[in-house]
């Protein structure tokens, strides 16, 4: 057997053995906050590229549920940013006011400060997994509180590994126990069908 064939077989073995089995219950798009289409758009005093990770993660969730902005525009960081600017969606420090989304599409988007705002990692991973299975968006606060990402699933190989769409970096997962320091839990439903009453 040639050396090149041995190297090829070794590389293939490494590739196959490093593949994770993951569960991704619901498809969400990946939006990057520094995308040239909206990255330089101003929030209040700075840009989406600089501080738009929560905005971008929320736009991914809205888009995944086909929730439109102003009933005609596809949800993305640019359209959501404009809507938030014109609907009291930011404070003077560029912080996203989640409650503003209650007026975007009340039939399909709901925010409740008591149940939605988690400033610490006080939600059990099994609850996060249940929410994802119910197609409810889970936004994670990571990087010691400096960054937000959209949770999209979890690894079957390592139950602590949460799979994510990261608007700012080229990451695909974080450790739920070690990296997640808070959560934002919106209640959203697919705009193609009527919301279930709970």
N, C-alpha and C. Protein backbone atom coordinates (compact mmCIF):
# COMPACT_ATOMS: atom_id res chain seq x y z
N UNK A 1 0.86 -1.18 0.00
CA UNK A 1 0.00 0.00 0.00
C UNK A 1 0.90 1.23 0.00
N UNK A 2 0.58 2.23 -0.83
CA UNK A 2 1.43 3.41 -0.94
C UNK A 2 1.26 4.31 0.27
N UNK A 3 2.27 5.16 0.49
CA UNK A 3 2.24 6.11 1.60
C UNK A 3 1.09 7.09 1.44
N UNK A 4 0.86 7.56 0.21
CA UNK A 4 -0.22 8.51 -0.01
C UNK A 4 -1.58 7.89 0.31
N UNK A 5 -1.77 6.61 -0.01
CA UNK A 5 -3.03 5.94 0.31
C UNK A 5 -3.19 5.79 1.82
N UNK A 6 -2.10 5.48 2.52
CA UNK A 6 -2.16 5.38 3.99
C UNK A 6 -2.54 6.72 4.60
N UNK A 7 -1.93 7.78 4.09
CA UNK A 7 -2.26 9.13 4.61
C UNK A 7 -3.73 9.44 4.34
N UNK A 8 -4.21 9.11 3.13
CA UNK A 8 -5.61 9.36 2.79
C UNK A 8 -6.53 8.59 3.73
N UNK A 9 -6.24 7.31 3.99
CA UNK A 9 -7.08 6.51 4.88
C UNK A 9 -7.06 7.06 6.30
N UNK A 10 -5.89 7.51 6.77
CA UNK A 10 -5.79 8.09 8.11
C UNK A 10 -6.63 9.36 8.21
N UNK A 11 -6.51 10.23 7.20
CA UNK A 11 -7.29 11.47 7.20
C UNK A 11 -8.78 11.15 7.19
N UNK A 12 -9.21 10.19 6.38
CA UNK A 12 -10.63 9.81 6.34
C UNK A 12 -11.09 9.27 7.68
N UNK A 13 -10.27 8.47 8.35
CA UNK A 13 -10.63 7.94 9.66
C UNK A 13 -10.81 9.08 10.67
N UNK A 14 -9.90 10.06 10.65
CA UNK A 14 -10.00 11.20 11.56
C UNK A 14 -11.28 11.99 11.27
N UNK A 15 -11.59 12.19 9.98
CA UNK A 15 -12.81 12.92 9.63
C UNK A 15 -14.05 12.21 10.13
N UNK A 16 -14.13 10.90 9.89
CA UNK A 16 -15.30 10.15 10.30
C UNK A 16 -15.42 10.09 11.81
N UNK A 17 -14.31 9.90 12.52
CA UNK A 17 -14.37 9.76 13.97
C UNK A 17 -14.66 11.09 14.66
N UNK A 18 -14.46 12.23 13.98
CA UNK A 18 -14.71 13.51 14.61
C UNK A 18 -16.11 14.05 14.34
N UNK A 19 -16.89 13.35 13.51
CA UNK A 19 -18.24 13.79 13.21
C UNK A 19 -19.13 13.53 14.42
N UNK A 20 -19.91 14.55 14.81
CA UNK A 20 -20.81 14.42 15.94
C UNK A 20 -22.21 14.10 15.46
N UNK A 21 -22.92 13.29 16.25
CA UNK A 21 -24.34 13.12 16.03
C UNK A 21 -25.04 14.23 16.78
N UNK A 22 -25.84 15.01 16.06
CA UNK A 22 -26.52 16.15 16.69
C UNK A 22 -28.00 16.10 16.37
N UNK A 23 -28.78 16.73 17.23
CA UNK A 23 -30.20 16.92 17.00
C UNK A 23 -30.43 18.40 16.74
N UNK A 24 -30.96 18.72 15.58
CA UNK A 24 -31.34 20.09 15.21
C UNK A 24 -32.85 20.04 14.91
N UNK A 25 -33.71 20.36 15.89
CA UNK A 25 -35.14 20.15 15.72
C UNK A 25 -35.84 21.08 14.74
N UNK A 26 -35.27 22.27 14.49
CA UNK A 26 -35.98 23.27 13.69
C UNK A 26 -34.95 24.07 12.89
N UNK A 27 -35.21 24.32 11.60
CA UNK A 27 -34.21 25.03 10.78
C UNK A 27 -34.27 26.55 10.98
N UNK A 28 -33.16 27.13 11.33
CA UNK A 28 -33.04 28.59 11.44
C UNK A 28 -31.95 29.06 10.48
N UNK A 29 -32.13 30.23 9.88
CA UNK A 29 -31.06 30.78 9.03
C UNK A 29 -29.91 31.28 9.91
N UNK A 30 -28.75 31.44 9.32
CA UNK A 30 -27.61 32.03 10.01
C UNK A 30 -27.38 33.43 9.44
N UNK A 31 -27.55 34.45 10.28
CA UNK A 31 -27.24 35.83 9.88
C UNK A 31 -25.99 36.27 10.62
N UNK A 32 -25.08 36.93 9.91
CA UNK A 32 -23.88 37.48 10.51
C UNK A 32 -24.08 38.97 10.76
N UNK A 33 -23.76 39.41 11.96
CA UNK A 33 -24.00 40.81 12.31
C UNK A 33 -23.14 41.77 11.49
N UNK A 34 -22.02 41.31 10.96
CA UNK A 34 -21.15 42.18 10.16
C UNK A 34 -21.38 42.02 8.66
N UNK A 35 -22.46 41.37 8.27
CA UNK A 35 -22.80 41.25 6.85
C UNK A 35 -22.84 42.66 6.25
N UNK A 36 -22.21 42.87 5.08
CA UNK A 36 -22.19 44.21 4.47
C UNK A 36 -23.57 44.79 4.19
N UNK A 37 -24.58 43.93 4.09
CA UNK A 37 -25.93 44.42 3.82
C UNK A 37 -26.47 45.27 4.97
N UNK A 38 -26.04 44.99 6.21
CA UNK A 38 -26.56 45.72 7.37
C UNK A 38 -25.52 46.01 8.45
N UNK A 39 -24.34 45.46 8.34
CA UNK A 39 -23.34 45.58 9.40
C UNK A 39 -22.99 47.00 9.81
N UNK A 40 -22.99 47.94 8.86
CA UNK A 40 -22.66 49.34 9.17
C UNK A 40 -23.87 50.18 9.55
N UNK A 41 -25.06 49.58 9.57
CA UNK A 41 -26.25 50.32 9.98
C UNK A 41 -26.14 50.68 11.47
N UNK A 42 -26.53 51.90 11.79
CA UNK A 42 -26.45 52.36 13.18
C UNK A 42 -27.65 51.85 13.97
N UNK A 43 -27.37 51.45 15.21
CA UNK A 43 -28.44 51.08 16.14
C UNK A 43 -28.92 52.36 16.81
N UNK A 44 -28.14 52.90 17.74
CA UNK A 44 -28.39 54.22 18.32
C UNK A 44 -27.14 55.06 18.16
N UNK A 45 -26.04 54.59 18.76
CA UNK A 45 -24.77 55.31 18.64
C UNK A 45 -23.66 54.46 18.04
N UNK A 46 -23.90 53.20 17.82
CA UNK A 46 -22.90 52.30 17.23
C UNK A 46 -23.58 51.36 16.24
N UNK A 47 -22.82 50.48 15.62
CA UNK A 47 -23.35 49.69 14.50
C UNK A 47 -23.81 48.30 14.89
N UNK A 48 -24.58 47.70 13.98
CA UNK A 48 -24.98 46.30 14.15
C UNK A 48 -23.74 45.42 14.22
N UNK A 49 -22.74 45.69 13.39
CA UNK A 49 -21.53 44.88 13.40
C UNK A 49 -20.87 44.91 14.78
N UNK A 50 -20.87 46.07 15.43
CA UNK A 50 -20.18 46.21 16.71
C UNK A 50 -20.93 45.55 17.87
N UNK A 51 -22.26 45.71 17.92
CA UNK A 51 -22.99 45.25 19.11
C UNK A 51 -24.31 44.54 18.77
N UNK A 52 -24.48 44.07 17.54
CA UNK A 52 -25.78 43.54 17.12
C UNK A 52 -25.96 42.05 17.25
N UNK A 53 -25.31 41.41 18.21
CA UNK A 53 -25.43 39.95 18.32
C UNK A 53 -26.81 39.51 18.82
N UNK A 54 -27.38 40.21 19.81
CA UNK A 54 -28.73 39.85 20.27
C UNK A 54 -29.76 40.17 19.19
N UNK A 55 -29.63 41.31 18.57
CA UNK A 55 -30.49 41.68 17.44
C UNK A 55 -30.44 40.61 16.35
N UNK A 56 -29.24 40.20 15.95
CA UNK A 56 -29.06 39.22 14.87
C UNK A 56 -29.61 37.86 15.26
N UNK A 57 -29.39 37.44 16.50
CA UNK A 57 -29.92 36.16 16.97
C UNK A 57 -31.45 36.18 16.97
N UNK A 58 -32.03 37.30 17.38
CA UNK A 58 -33.49 37.44 17.37
C UNK A 58 -34.02 37.44 15.95
N UNK A 59 -33.32 38.10 15.04
CA UNK A 59 -33.74 38.11 13.63
C UNK A 59 -33.72 36.70 13.04
N UNK A 60 -32.74 35.89 13.42
CA UNK A 60 -32.71 34.50 12.95
C UNK A 60 -33.95 33.75 13.42
N UNK A 61 -34.33 33.96 14.69
CA UNK A 61 -35.50 33.28 15.24
C UNK A 61 -36.77 33.74 14.52
N UNK A 62 -36.92 35.04 14.32
CA UNK A 62 -38.10 35.56 13.62
C UNK A 62 -38.17 35.01 12.20
N UNK A 63 -37.05 35.05 11.49
CA UNK A 63 -37.02 34.58 10.11
C UNK A 63 -37.34 33.09 10.04
N UNK A 64 -36.79 32.32 10.97
CA UNK A 64 -37.07 30.88 10.98
C UNK A 64 -38.55 30.57 11.15
N UNK A 65 -39.27 31.46 11.82
CA UNK A 65 -40.71 31.29 12.03
C UNK A 65 -41.53 32.07 11.00
N UNK A 66 -40.87 32.59 9.97
CA UNK A 66 -41.52 33.32 8.87
C UNK A 66 -42.31 34.53 9.36
N UNK A 67 -41.83 35.15 10.42
CA UNK A 67 -42.47 36.35 10.95
C UNK A 67 -41.88 37.55 10.24
N UNK A 68 -42.73 38.29 9.57
CA UNK A 68 -42.31 39.40 8.74
C UNK A 68 -42.20 40.69 9.56
N UNK A 69 -41.44 41.63 9.04
CA UNK A 69 -41.35 42.98 9.61
C UNK A 69 -42.32 43.86 8.82
N UNK A 70 -43.17 44.57 9.51
CA UNK A 70 -44.18 45.42 8.86
C UNK A 70 -45.04 44.67 7.84
N UNK A 71 -45.23 43.37 8.08
CA UNK A 71 -46.07 42.48 7.27
C UNK A 71 -45.57 42.23 5.85
N UNK A 72 -44.50 42.93 5.43
CA UNK A 72 -44.03 42.74 4.05
C UNK A 72 -42.54 42.45 3.93
N UNK A 73 -41.75 42.81 4.91
CA UNK A 73 -40.29 42.66 4.81
C UNK A 73 -39.81 41.43 5.56
N UNK A 74 -38.94 40.65 4.90
CA UNK A 74 -38.36 39.48 5.53
C UNK A 74 -37.54 39.90 6.75
N UNK A 75 -37.64 39.13 7.82
CA UNK A 75 -36.87 39.43 9.03
C UNK A 75 -35.40 39.15 8.81
N UNK A 76 -34.57 40.16 9.04
CA UNK A 76 -33.11 40.01 9.06
C UNK A 76 -32.59 41.12 9.98
N UNK A 77 -31.32 41.16 10.30
CA UNK A 77 -30.83 42.19 11.21
C UNK A 77 -31.09 43.62 10.74
N UNK A 78 -31.07 43.85 9.44
CA UNK A 78 -31.31 45.19 8.92
C UNK A 78 -32.75 45.64 9.08
N UNK A 79 -33.69 44.78 8.67
CA UNK A 79 -35.10 45.16 8.77
C UNK A 79 -35.57 45.21 10.22
N UNK A 80 -35.08 44.28 11.04
CA UNK A 80 -35.47 44.29 12.46
C UNK A 80 -34.89 45.51 13.16
N UNK A 81 -33.66 45.89 12.84
CA UNK A 81 -33.05 47.07 13.44
C UNK A 81 -33.87 48.32 13.13
N UNK A 82 -34.27 48.48 11.86
CA UNK A 82 -35.06 49.65 11.49
C UNK A 82 -36.39 49.65 12.25
N UNK A 83 -37.03 48.48 12.35
CA UNK A 83 -38.30 48.41 13.06
C UNK A 83 -38.11 48.77 14.54
N UNK A 84 -37.06 48.26 15.16
CA UNK A 84 -36.80 48.56 16.57
C UNK A 84 -36.52 50.05 16.77
N UNK A 85 -35.80 50.66 15.84
CA UNK A 85 -35.52 52.10 15.95
C UNK A 85 -36.81 52.92 15.94
N UNK A 86 -37.79 52.49 15.18
CA UNK A 86 -39.02 53.26 15.03
C UNK A 86 -40.13 52.79 15.97
N UNK A 87 -39.82 51.82 16.83
CA UNK A 87 -40.83 51.29 17.76
C UNK A 87 -40.31 51.17 19.19
N UNK A 88 -39.46 52.12 19.58
CA UNK A 88 -38.92 52.17 20.96
C UNK A 88 -38.27 50.85 21.38
N UNK A 89 -37.48 50.28 20.46
CA UNK A 89 -36.87 48.99 20.71
C UNK A 89 -35.46 49.03 21.28
N UNK A 90 -34.91 50.24 21.49
CA UNK A 90 -33.56 50.37 22.05
C UNK A 90 -33.57 51.42 23.15
N UNK A 91 -32.64 51.24 24.10
CA UNK A 91 -32.39 52.33 25.05
C UNK A 91 -31.21 53.15 24.53
N UNK A 92 -30.84 54.18 25.25
CA UNK A 92 -29.79 55.09 24.77
C UNK A 92 -28.40 54.43 24.74
N UNK A 93 -28.26 53.25 25.36
CA UNK A 93 -26.99 52.54 25.37
C UNK A 93 -26.90 51.46 24.29
N UNK A 94 -27.81 51.50 23.31
CA UNK A 94 -27.86 50.52 22.22
C UNK A 94 -28.38 49.15 22.67
N UNK A 95 -28.92 49.06 23.88
CA UNK A 95 -29.44 47.79 24.36
C UNK A 95 -30.84 47.55 23.80
N UNK A 96 -31.04 46.33 23.34
CA UNK A 96 -32.29 45.87 22.75
C UNK A 96 -33.33 45.71 23.87
N UNK A 97 -34.48 46.34 23.70
CA UNK A 97 -35.58 46.21 24.66
C UNK A 97 -36.51 45.12 24.14
N UNK A 98 -36.37 43.92 24.70
CA UNK A 98 -37.09 42.75 24.20
C UNK A 98 -38.60 42.95 24.18
N UNK A 99 -39.13 43.65 25.17
CA UNK A 99 -40.58 43.85 25.28
C UNK A 99 -41.18 44.53 24.05
N UNK A 100 -40.37 45.30 23.32
CA UNK A 100 -40.86 45.99 22.13
C UNK A 100 -41.40 45.00 21.09
N UNK A 101 -40.87 43.78 21.07
CA UNK A 101 -41.30 42.80 20.07
C UNK A 101 -42.75 42.37 20.26
N UNK A 102 -43.32 42.62 21.43
CA UNK A 102 -44.72 42.25 21.65
C UNK A 102 -45.67 42.93 20.68
N UNK A 103 -45.27 44.07 20.11
CA UNK A 103 -46.13 44.77 19.16
C UNK A 103 -45.80 44.44 17.70
N UNK A 104 -44.73 43.68 17.47
CA UNK A 104 -44.36 43.34 16.09
C UNK A 104 -45.41 42.45 15.44
N UNK A 105 -45.77 41.37 16.10
CA UNK A 105 -46.78 40.44 15.61
C UNK A 105 -47.30 39.68 16.83
N UNK A 106 -48.26 40.27 17.57
CA UNK A 106 -48.71 39.68 18.84
C UNK A 106 -49.24 38.25 18.72
N UNK A 107 -49.71 37.87 17.55
CA UNK A 107 -50.21 36.52 17.37
C UNK A 107 -49.09 35.49 17.37
N UNK A 108 -47.88 35.90 16.94
CA UNK A 108 -46.79 34.93 16.78
C UNK A 108 -45.53 35.23 17.59
N UNK A 109 -45.46 36.38 18.24
CA UNK A 109 -44.28 36.73 19.05
C UNK A 109 -44.74 37.25 20.39
N UNK A 110 -44.21 36.67 21.45
CA UNK A 110 -44.52 37.14 22.79
C UNK A 110 -43.26 37.13 23.63
N UNK A 111 -43.11 38.20 24.41
CA UNK A 111 -42.01 38.32 25.37
C UNK A 111 -42.60 38.58 26.74
N UNK A 112 -42.16 37.83 27.71
CA UNK A 112 -42.55 38.02 29.09
C UNK A 112 -41.28 38.15 29.90
N UNK A 113 -41.07 39.32 30.49
CA UNK A 113 -39.83 39.59 31.22
C UNK A 113 -39.58 38.55 32.31
N UNK A 114 -40.62 38.16 33.02
CA UNK A 114 -40.46 37.22 34.14
C UNK A 114 -39.97 35.86 33.66
N UNK A 115 -40.59 35.33 32.62
CA UNK A 115 -40.19 34.02 32.13
C UNK A 115 -39.11 34.03 31.07
N UNK A 116 -38.91 35.20 30.43
CA UNK A 116 -37.99 35.25 29.31
C UNK A 116 -36.58 35.72 29.62
N UNK A 117 -36.46 36.59 30.63
CA UNK A 117 -35.14 37.15 30.95
C UNK A 117 -34.45 36.31 32.01
N UNK A 118 -33.33 35.72 31.64
CA UNK A 118 -32.53 34.92 32.57
C UNK A 118 -31.11 35.49 32.56
N UNK A 119 -30.77 36.21 33.61
CA UNK A 119 -29.46 36.86 33.70
C UNK A 119 -28.36 35.92 34.20
N UNK A 120 -28.75 34.70 34.54
CA UNK A 120 -27.79 33.66 34.91
C UNK A 120 -28.21 32.38 34.18
N UNK A 121 -27.38 31.38 34.24
CA UNK A 121 -27.71 30.09 33.62
C UNK A 121 -28.53 29.29 34.64
N UNK A 122 -29.80 29.68 34.78
CA UNK A 122 -30.67 29.06 35.77
C UNK A 122 -31.75 28.18 35.15
N UNK A 123 -31.59 27.82 33.88
CA UNK A 123 -32.53 26.96 33.18
C UNK A 123 -31.83 25.63 32.89
N UNK A 124 -32.41 24.54 33.35
CA UNK A 124 -31.82 23.23 33.14
C UNK A 124 -31.72 22.92 31.65
N UNK A 125 -30.65 22.26 31.26
CA UNK A 125 -30.45 21.92 29.85
C UNK A 125 -31.61 21.11 29.29
N UNK A 126 -32.21 20.24 30.09
CA UNK A 126 -33.34 19.45 29.60
C UNK A 126 -34.53 20.34 29.23
N UNK A 127 -34.71 21.45 29.93
CA UNK A 127 -35.78 22.40 29.59
C UNK A 127 -35.46 23.10 28.27
N UNK A 128 -34.19 23.48 28.10
CA UNK A 128 -33.76 24.09 26.83
C UNK A 128 -34.02 23.13 25.68
N UNK A 129 -33.67 21.86 25.86
CA UNK A 129 -33.90 20.86 24.82
C UNK A 129 -35.39 20.71 24.52
N UNK A 130 -36.23 20.72 25.56
CA UNK A 130 -37.68 20.64 25.35
C UNK A 130 -38.19 21.85 24.57
N UNK A 131 -37.69 23.04 24.91
CA UNK A 131 -38.09 24.25 24.18
C UNK A 131 -37.71 24.14 22.71
N UNK A 132 -36.50 23.67 22.44
CA UNK A 132 -36.05 23.52 21.06
C UNK A 132 -36.90 22.49 20.31
N UNK A 133 -37.28 21.41 21.00
CA UNK A 133 -38.15 20.41 20.37
C UNK A 133 -39.54 20.98 20.07
N UNK A 134 -39.97 21.98 20.86
CA UNK A 134 -41.25 22.65 20.62
C UNK A 134 -41.11 23.80 19.62
N UNK A 135 -39.91 23.96 19.07
CA UNK A 135 -39.59 25.00 18.08
C UNK A 135 -39.66 26.40 18.68
N UNK A 136 -39.41 26.51 19.97
CA UNK A 136 -39.34 27.81 20.64
C UNK A 136 -37.89 28.28 20.61
N UNK A 137 -37.64 29.52 20.23
CA UNK A 137 -36.26 30.00 20.16
C UNK A 137 -35.64 30.18 21.54
N UNK A 138 -34.36 29.81 21.62
CA UNK A 138 -33.58 29.98 22.84
C UNK A 138 -32.32 30.74 22.46
N UNK A 139 -32.18 31.94 23.02
CA UNK A 139 -30.99 32.75 22.75
C UNK A 139 -30.10 32.68 23.98
N UNK A 140 -28.83 32.36 23.76
CA UNK A 140 -27.88 32.14 24.84
C UNK A 140 -26.93 33.32 24.97
N UNK A 141 -26.66 33.72 26.20
CA UNK A 141 -25.65 34.73 26.50
C UNK A 141 -24.36 33.98 26.85
N UNK A 142 -23.32 34.22 26.09
CA UNK A 142 -22.05 33.48 26.24
C UNK A 142 -20.88 34.47 26.33
N UNK A 143 -19.68 33.93 26.31
CA UNK A 143 -18.47 34.75 26.32
C UNK A 143 -18.47 35.72 27.51
N UNK A 144 -18.76 35.15 28.68
CA UNK A 144 -18.78 35.92 29.95
C UNK A 144 -19.75 37.09 29.89
N UNK A 145 -20.84 36.91 29.15
CA UNK A 145 -21.88 37.93 29.07
C UNK A 145 -21.71 38.94 27.96
N UNK A 146 -20.69 38.77 27.11
CA UNK A 146 -20.41 39.76 26.07
C UNK A 146 -20.98 39.42 24.70
N UNK A 147 -21.68 38.29 24.57
CA UNK A 147 -22.10 37.85 23.24
C UNK A 147 -23.37 37.02 23.35
N UNK A 148 -24.20 37.09 22.28
CA UNK A 148 -25.42 36.30 22.20
C UNK A 148 -25.40 35.43 20.95
N UNK A 149 -25.96 34.23 21.07
CA UNK A 149 -26.06 33.29 19.96
C UNK A 149 -27.43 32.61 20.02
N UNK A 150 -27.87 32.05 18.90
CA UNK A 150 -29.13 31.32 18.85
C UNK A 150 -28.86 29.83 18.99
N UNK A 151 -29.45 29.20 20.01
CA UNK A 151 -29.33 27.75 20.17
C UNK A 151 -30.18 27.08 19.09
N UNK A 152 -29.63 26.03 18.48
CA UNK A 152 -30.38 25.33 17.44
C UNK A 152 -30.49 23.82 17.70
N UNK A 153 -29.74 23.29 18.67
CA UNK A 153 -29.78 21.86 18.93
C UNK A 153 -28.74 21.45 19.94
N UNK A 154 -28.44 20.16 19.98
CA UNK A 154 -27.46 19.66 20.94
C UNK A 154 -26.81 18.40 20.39
N UNK A 155 -25.67 18.07 20.99
CA UNK A 155 -24.90 16.90 20.58
C UNK A 155 -25.38 15.66 21.32
N UNK A 156 -25.47 14.56 20.60
CA UNK A 156 -25.77 13.28 21.24
C UNK A 156 -24.51 12.64 21.81
N UNK A 157 -23.36 13.07 21.29
CA UNK A 157 -22.08 12.52 21.76
C UNK A 157 -21.70 13.10 23.11
N UNK A 158 -22.07 14.36 23.35
CA UNK A 158 -21.75 15.04 24.61
C UNK A 158 -22.95 15.91 24.96
N UNK A 159 -23.75 15.47 25.90
CA UNK A 159 -25.01 16.13 26.21
C UNK A 159 -24.83 17.58 26.61
N UNK A 160 -23.65 17.98 27.07
CA UNK A 160 -23.40 19.36 27.49
C UNK A 160 -23.15 20.29 26.30
N UNK A 161 -22.90 19.73 25.12
CA UNK A 161 -22.59 20.55 23.95
C UNK A 161 -23.87 21.03 23.28
N UNK A 162 -24.05 22.35 23.28
CA UNK A 162 -25.23 22.95 22.66
C UNK A 162 -24.81 23.51 21.30
N UNK A 163 -25.56 23.17 20.26
CA UNK A 163 -25.27 23.62 18.90
C UNK A 163 -25.90 24.99 18.70
N UNK A 164 -25.20 25.87 17.99
CA UNK A 164 -25.65 27.26 17.89
C UNK A 164 -25.45 27.83 16.49
N UNK A 165 -26.21 28.89 16.20
CA UNK A 165 -25.93 29.79 15.09
C UNK A 165 -25.29 31.02 15.72
N UNK A 166 -24.06 31.30 15.37
CA UNK A 166 -23.30 32.40 15.98
C UNK A 166 -23.21 33.57 15.01
N UNK A 167 -23.82 34.71 15.34
CA UNK A 167 -23.81 35.84 14.41
C UNK A 167 -22.47 36.57 14.32
N UNK A 168 -21.56 36.32 15.27
CA UNK A 168 -20.32 37.09 15.29
C UNK A 168 -19.06 36.31 15.01
N UNK A 169 -19.07 35.02 15.29
CA UNK A 169 -17.86 34.21 15.17
C UNK A 169 -18.16 32.94 14.38
N UNK A 170 -17.12 32.21 14.03
CA UNK A 170 -17.26 30.97 13.26
C UNK A 170 -17.35 29.78 14.20
N UNK A 171 -18.20 29.86 15.20
CA UNK A 171 -18.39 28.76 16.14
C UNK A 171 -19.69 28.06 15.83
N UNK A 172 -19.74 26.76 16.17
CA UNK A 172 -20.95 25.99 15.96
C UNK A 172 -21.50 25.43 17.27
N UNK A 173 -20.74 25.54 18.38
CA UNK A 173 -21.24 24.99 19.64
C UNK A 173 -20.55 25.64 20.83
N UNK A 174 -21.19 25.49 21.97
CA UNK A 174 -20.64 25.92 23.26
C UNK A 174 -20.96 24.84 24.29
N UNK A 175 -20.23 24.88 25.38
CA UNK A 175 -20.58 24.05 26.53
C UNK A 175 -21.70 24.75 27.28
N UNK A 176 -22.81 24.04 27.49
CA UNK A 176 -23.94 24.67 28.18
C UNK A 176 -23.57 25.00 29.63
N UNK A 177 -22.89 24.10 30.29
CA UNK A 177 -22.55 24.31 31.70
C UNK A 177 -21.46 25.35 31.90
N UNK A 178 -20.48 25.38 31.01
CA UNK A 178 -19.30 26.23 31.22
C UNK A 178 -19.34 27.57 30.51
N UNK A 179 -20.08 27.68 29.41
CA UNK A 179 -20.03 28.90 28.59
C UNK A 179 -21.28 29.77 28.67
N UNK A 180 -22.42 29.18 28.97
CA UNK A 180 -23.68 29.93 28.97
C UNK A 180 -23.87 30.61 30.32
N UNK A 181 -24.05 31.95 30.28
CA UNK A 181 -24.20 32.72 31.53
C UNK A 181 -25.58 33.38 31.63
N UNK A 182 -26.44 33.18 30.65
CA UNK A 182 -27.79 33.74 30.68
C UNK A 182 -28.55 33.33 29.44
N UNK A 183 -29.85 33.59 29.43
CA UNK A 183 -30.70 33.21 28.31
C UNK A 183 -31.77 34.26 28.08
N UNK A 184 -32.28 34.30 26.83
CA UNK A 184 -33.46 35.07 26.48
C UNK A 184 -34.42 34.08 25.83
N UNK A 185 -35.62 33.97 26.39
CA UNK A 185 -36.60 33.00 25.90
C UNK A 185 -37.83 33.73 25.37
N UNK A 186 -37.91 33.85 24.06
CA UNK A 186 -39.09 34.40 23.41
C UNK A 186 -40.07 33.26 23.15
N UNK A 187 -41.33 33.60 23.05
CA UNK A 187 -42.34 32.64 22.65
C UNK A 187 -42.71 33.01 21.22
N UNK A 188 -42.41 32.11 20.27
CA UNK A 188 -42.70 32.39 18.86
C UNK A 188 -43.36 31.18 18.23
N UNK A 189 -44.19 31.44 17.25
CA UNK A 189 -44.79 30.36 16.48
C UNK A 189 -44.68 30.69 15.00
N UNK A 190 -44.77 29.66 14.20
CA UNK A 190 -44.66 29.79 12.75
C UNK A 190 -45.81 30.64 12.22
N UNK A 191 -45.50 31.69 11.50
CA UNK A 191 -46.52 32.60 11.00
C UNK A 191 -47.39 31.97 9.92
N UNK A 192 -47.03 30.78 9.45
CA UNK A 192 -47.88 30.10 8.45
C UNK A 192 -49.11 29.48 9.08
N UNK A 193 -49.09 29.31 10.41
CA UNK A 193 -50.25 28.71 11.05
C UNK A 193 -50.63 29.51 12.28
N UNK A 194 -51.85 29.36 12.73
CA UNK A 194 -52.33 30.11 13.89
C UNK A 194 -51.70 29.57 15.16
N UNK A 195 -51.46 30.47 16.08
CA UNK A 195 -50.82 30.14 17.35
C UNK A 195 -51.74 29.30 18.21
N UNK A 196 -51.19 28.28 18.86
CA UNK A 196 -51.96 27.47 19.83
C UNK A 196 -52.15 28.28 21.10
N UNK A 197 -53.31 28.18 21.68
CA UNK A 197 -53.57 28.83 22.95
C UNK A 197 -53.12 27.88 24.06
N UNK A 198 -52.27 28.39 24.96
CA UNK A 198 -51.75 27.54 26.03
C UNK A 198 -52.47 27.78 27.32
